[in-house]
């Protein structure tokens, strides 16, 4: 091949960067899909294992009765799965009543007092509350404010009209009440800010899109003019529960 027929070095470099970007994107997408799936399977497997341990006396009795090992193991596994599903539905149904909610709240407090385990349980419990109860329904609009310093902007959610006592104390009737969340778990922290209206800027995003941007640390930003993930990719990354919980705000 002659030197004239060879591609310019800048095109070779650009092609290499494109291949690298595609490989990197594929790797990140694969991790985003596989890791949550593996965690889910691990948790379910551990839960089923607990019920299988509880059914150990039944397994021993079947073995003493000379039941085929394969049949006994299959029966125990199916029973464990059915018990897990039954417990899930019973707990969910119980939680729909006031006394059930009180019982669950009491259980949460007991677990949270256990050193080490309590902190982990509380974190996951709060995250599940966001997915299931959708605290985002309390948000009205997505805003952006200049925070924490000049030239830096933070995404926020307007919650309600600033109470009159606060407006009177500041002497500004235009105050807007915003929640400025911390990524990636907004329920773990954030700032409740009362900001003058002239410092609050509108954002062409729905509450769902704004919450997704926070949960995915800015990776998933909706819009045709962005390089964010598509809706399908975002659903795999954040989970369909989150998407369903926030869909009412569109």
Protein backbone atom coordinates (compact mmCIF):
# COMPACT_ATOMS: atom_id res chain seq x y z
CA UNK A 1 0.00 0.00 0.00
CA UNK A 2 1.42 3.37 -0.99
CA UNK A 3 1.77 6.26 1.42
CA UNK A 4 -0.83 8.26 -0.55
CA UNK A 5 -3.50 5.59 -0.04
CA UNK A 6 -3.06 5.43 3.73
CA UNK A 7 -5.65 7.33 5.88
CA UNK A 8 -4.48 10.50 7.62
CA UNK A 9 -3.26 10.08 11.22
CA UNK A 10 -6.09 12.26 12.58
CA UNK A 11 -8.71 9.97 11.00
CA UNK A 12 -7.00 6.90 12.43
CA UNK A 13 -7.00 8.50 15.87
CA UNK A 14 -10.66 9.53 15.52
CA UNK A 15 -11.62 5.99 14.48
CA UNK A 16 -9.72 4.58 17.44
CA UNK A 17 -11.48 6.96 19.84
CA UNK A 18 -14.85 5.99 18.36
CA UNK A 19 -14.14 2.29 18.86
CA UNK A 20 -12.97 2.96 22.43
CA UNK A 21 -16.11 4.98 23.16
CA UNK A 22 -18.35 2.20 21.85
CA UNK A 23 -16.49 -0.47 23.81
CA UNK A 24 -16.65 1.66 26.97
CA UNK A 25 -20.37 2.33 26.47
CA UNK A 26 -21.04 -1.37 25.93
CA UNK A 27 -19.10 -2.27 29.08
CA UNK A 28 -20.91 0.31 31.22
CA UNK A 29 -24.29 -0.73 29.86
CA UNK A 30 -23.49 -4.37 30.54
CA UNK A 31 -22.48 -3.59 34.12
CA UNK A 32 -25.63 -1.49 34.62
CA UNK A 33 -27.78 -4.41 33.48
CA UNK A 34 -25.92 -7.35 35.05
CA UNK A 35 -25.09 -5.97 38.51
CA UNK A 36 -28.69 -5.17 39.58
CA UNK A 37 -29.79 -8.53 38.14
CA UNK A 38 -27.12 -10.42 40.07
CA UNK A 39 -27.95 -8.59 43.29
CA UNK A 40 -31.65 -9.36 42.84
CA UNK A 41 -30.94 -13.04 42.16
CA UNK A 42 -28.60 -13.22 45.15
CA UNK A 43 -31.18 -11.69 47.50
CA UNK A 44 -33.93 -14.00 46.22
CA UNK A 45 -31.65 -17.02 46.49
CA UNK A 46 -30.74 -16.10 50.06
CA UNK A 47 -34.42 -15.60 50.97
CA UNK A 48 -35.38 -18.97 49.46
CA UNK A 49 -32.45 -20.56 51.32
CA UNK A 50 -33.88 -19.31 54.62
CA UNK A 51 -37.19 -21.04 53.95
CA UNK A 52 -35.41 -24.20 52.82
CA UNK A 53 -33.57 -24.26 56.16
CA UNK A 54 -36.89 -23.88 57.97
CA UNK A 55 -38.21 -26.86 56.00
CA UNK A 56 -35.24 -29.05 56.96
CA UNK A 57 -37.35 -31.20 59.33
CA UNK A 58 -39.75 -31.91 56.47
CA UNK A 59 -36.84 -32.90 54.24
CA UNK A 60 -35.51 -35.25 56.93
CA UNK A 61 -38.94 -36.81 57.37
CA UNK A 62 -39.26 -37.41 53.62
CA UNK A 63 -35.83 -39.03 53.54
CA UNK A 64 -36.80 -41.35 56.41
CA UNK A 65 -39.94 -42.25 54.46
CA UNK A 66 -37.70 -43.32 51.54
CA UNK A 67 -39.02 -40.63 49.22
CA UNK A 68 -36.87 -40.22 46.11
CA UNK A 69 -34.14 -37.62 46.82
CA UNK A 70 -34.83 -35.71 43.62
CA UNK A 71 -38.56 -35.52 44.34
CA UNK A 72 -38.01 -34.42 47.93
CA UNK A 73 -35.53 -31.70 46.97
CA UNK A 74 -37.81 -30.41 44.21
CA UNK A 75 -40.79 -30.37 46.56
CA UNK A 76 -38.83 -28.48 49.25
CA UNK A 77 -37.58 -25.89 46.74
CA UNK A 78 -41.06 -25.30 45.31
CA UNK A 79 -42.51 -25.03 48.81
CA UNK A 80 -39.82 -22.50 49.78
CA UNK A 81 -40.60 -20.36 46.73
CA UNK A 82 -44.33 -20.47 47.45
CA UNK A 83 -43.74 -19.54 51.09
CA UNK A 84 -41.58 -16.58 50.05
CA UNK A 85 -44.27 -15.34 47.66
CA UNK A 86 -46.93 -15.83 50.33
CA UNK A 87 -44.92 -13.90 52.93
CA UNK A 88 -44.36 -11.04 50.47
CA UNK A 89 -48.08 -10.73 49.76
CA UNK A 90 -49.05 -11.07 53.43
CA UNK A 91 -46.61 -8.35 54.50
CA UNK A 92 -47.71 -6.09 51.67
CA UNK A 93 -51.39 -6.65 52.46
CA UNK A 94 -50.80 -6.09 56.17
CA UNK A 95 -48.93 -2.86 55.49
CA UNK A 96 -52.01 -1.45 53.79
CA UNK A 97 -53.74 -1.20 57.18
CA UNK A 98 -52.91 1.25 59.95
CA UNK A 99 -52.07 -1.44 62.52
CA UNK A 100 -49.82 -3.13 60.01
CA UNK A 101 -47.97 0.11 59.33
CA UNK A 102 -47.45 0.59 63.08
CA UNK A 103 -46.12 -2.95 63.42
CA UNK A 104 -43.69 -2.45 60.52
CA UNK A 105 -42.56 0.90 61.95
CA UNK A 106 -41.90 -0.77 65.30
CA UNK A 107 -39.94 -3.54 63.57
CA UNK A 108 -37.90 -0.95 61.65
CA UNK A 109 -36.95 0.79 64.90
CA UNK A 110 -35.85 -2.50 66.45
CA UNK A 111 -33.64 -3.40 63.49
CA UNK A 112 -32.19 0.11 63.23
CA UNK A 113 -30.97 -0.16 66.83
CA UNK A 114 -28.79 -3.17 65.99
CA UNK A 115 -25.18 -1.90 65.65
CA UNK A 116 -23.86 -2.10 62.09
CA UNK A 117 -26.88 -3.88 60.63
CA UNK A 118 -29.21 -1.04 61.60
CA UNK A 119 -27.41 1.56 59.48
CA UNK A 120 -27.41 -0.67 56.40
CA UNK A 121 -31.05 -1.64 56.87
CA UNK A 122 -32.10 1.98 57.31
CA UNK A 123 -30.35 3.03 54.10
CA UNK A 124 -32.01 0.33 51.99
CA UNK A 125 -35.34 0.91 53.72
CA UNK A 126 -35.28 4.59 52.80
CA UNK A 127 -34.36 3.80 49.21
CA UNK A 128 -37.23 1.34 48.93
CA UNK A 129 -39.61 3.98 50.30
CA UNK A 130 -38.60 6.29 47.45
CA UNK A 131 -39.29 3.59 44.88
CA UNK A 132 -42.58 2.38 46.32
CA UNK A 133 -44.14 5.47 47.82
CA UNK A 134 -42.68 7.98 45.35
CA UNK A 135 -41.80 10.97 47.48
CA UNK A 136 -41.30 12.74 44.16
CA UNK A 137 -45.07 13.20 44.00
CA UNK A 138 -44.57 16.01 46.50
CA UNK A 139 -42.43 17.90 43.98
CA UNK A 140 -44.18 20.40 41.73
CA UNK A 141 -41.56 21.60 39.25
CA UNK A 142 -37.89 21.21 38.42
CA UNK A 143 -35.77 24.32 38.97
CA UNK A 144 -32.10 25.22 38.83
CA UNK A 145 -30.31 27.62 41.16
CA UNK A 146 -26.81 29.01 41.43
CA UNK A 147 -25.44 26.96 44.29
CA UNK A 148 -23.14 26.32 46.19
CA UNK A 149 -21.14 29.20 44.72
CA UNK A 150 -21.18 31.57 41.77
CA UNK A 151 -20.94 29.86 38.41
CA UNK A 152 -22.10 26.49 39.76
CA UNK A 153 -25.69 25.35 39.35
CA UNK A 154 -27.70 22.77 41.27
CA UNK A 155 -30.88 20.98 40.27
CA UNK A 156 -33.77 21.49 42.68
CA UNK A 157 -37.43 20.65 43.10
CA UNK A 158 -40.04 23.18 44.15
CA UNK A 159 -42.10 21.68 46.96
CA UNK A 160 -44.57 24.35 48.07
CA UNK A 161 -45.10 28.04 48.46
CA UNK A 162 -42.79 29.41 51.14
CA UNK A 163 -44.75 29.84 54.40
CA UNK A 164 -45.77 33.39 55.17
CA UNK A 165 -43.83 33.62 58.49
CA UNK A 166 -40.60 32.87 56.61
CA UNK A 167 -41.40 35.40 53.89
CA UNK A 168 -42.21 38.03 56.48
CA UNK A 169 -39.04 37.31 58.45
CA UNK A 170 -36.87 37.81 55.37
CA UNK A 171 -38.93 40.66 54.00
CA UNK A 172 -39.24 39.04 50.57
CA UNK A 173 -42.66 37.88 49.39
CA UNK A 174 -41.18 36.14 46.33
CA UNK A 175 -39.37 33.37 48.22
CA UNK A 176 -39.65 29.92 46.65
CA UNK A 177 -39.18 26.71 48.68
CA UNK A 178 -36.90 24.21 46.96
CA UNK A 179 -35.44 20.85 47.88
CA UNK A 180 -31.87 20.49 46.59
CA UNK A 181 -31.16 16.73 46.62
CA UNK A 182 -27.86 14.96 46.95
CA UNK A 183 -27.02 12.31 44.34
CA UNK A 184 -27.45 9.42 43.94
CA UNK A 185 -29.88 8.83 46.84
CA UNK A 186 -32.05 11.93 47.35
CA UNK A 187 -33.65 10.61 50.54
CA UNK A 188 -30.26 10.25 52.24
CA UNK A 189 -29.63 13.97 52.19
CA UNK A 190 -30.30 17.32 50.65
CA UNK A 191 -30.99 20.94 51.46
CA UNK A 192 -34.28 22.69 52.07
CA UNK A 193 -33.74 26.17 50.68
CA UNK A 194 -35.91 29.29 50.51
CA UNK A 195 -34.65 31.29 47.54
CA UNK A 196 -35.79 34.61 46.01
CA UNK A 197 -37.76 34.12 42.81
CA UNK A 198 -35.31 36.13 40.69
CA UNK A 199 -32.56 33.60 41.51
CA UNK A 200 -34.64 30.57 40.57
CA UNK A 201 -34.55 29.48 36.93
CA UNK A 202 -37.04 27.24 35.15
CA UNK A 203 -35.89 23.94 33.59
CA UNK A 204 -37.60 22.24 30.66
CA UNK A 205 -37.74 18.88 32.45
CA UNK A 206 -40.46 16.89 34.14
CA UNK A 207 -40.13 15.86 37.77
CA UNK A 208 -39.53 12.29 36.58
CA UNK A 209 -36.65 13.38 34.35
CA UNK A 210 -35.15 15.53 37.09
CA UNK A 211 -35.32 12.74 39.66
CA UNK A 212 -33.75 10.29 37.23
CA UNK A 213 -30.92 12.72 36.59
CA UNK A 214 -30.25 12.85 40.34
CA UNK A 215 -30.53 9.09 40.93
CA UNK A 216 -28.17 8.29 38.04
CA UNK A 217 -25.74 11.10 39.00
CA UNK A 218 -26.40 12.94 35.77
CA UNK A 219 -25.92 9.95 33.46
CA UNK A 220 -29.56 9.77 32.43
CA UNK A 221 -30.70 13.18 31.28
CA UNK A 222 -33.71 13.15 29.01
CA UNK A 223 -33.81 15.06 25.77
CA UNK A 224 -32.96 14.48 22.13
CA UNK A 225 -30.06 16.92 22.26
CA UNK A 226 -28.20 15.09 25.05
CA UNK A 227 -25.86 12.13 25.16
CA UNK A 228 -27.82 10.57 28.03
CA UNK A 229 -29.30 7.12 28.04
CA UNK A 230 -32.45 6.29 26.14
CA UNK A 231 -35.66 5.55 28.02
CA UNK A 232 -35.17 1.81 27.57
CA UNK A 233 -31.58 1.93 28.82
CA UNK A 234 -32.63 4.18 31.69
CA UNK A 235 -35.32 1.72 32.73
CA UNK A 236 -32.70 -1.02 32.96
CA UNK A 237 -30.36 1.23 34.94
CA UNK A 238 -32.80 2.72 37.45
CA UNK A 239 -35.31 -0.10 37.57
CA UNK A 240 -38.87 -0.25 36.34
CA UNK A 241 -40.19 0.35 39.87
CA UNK A 242 -38.64 3.78 39.94
CA UNK A 243 -39.97 4.60 36.47
CA UNK A 244 -43.47 3.46 37.40
CA UNK A 245 -43.41 5.35 40.65
CA UNK A 246 -42.48 8.59 38.98
CA UNK A 247 -44.58 8.25 35.83
CA UNK A 248 -47.52 10.08 37.42
CA UNK A 249 -45.58 13.34 37.27
CA UNK A 250 -45.30 13.41 33.47
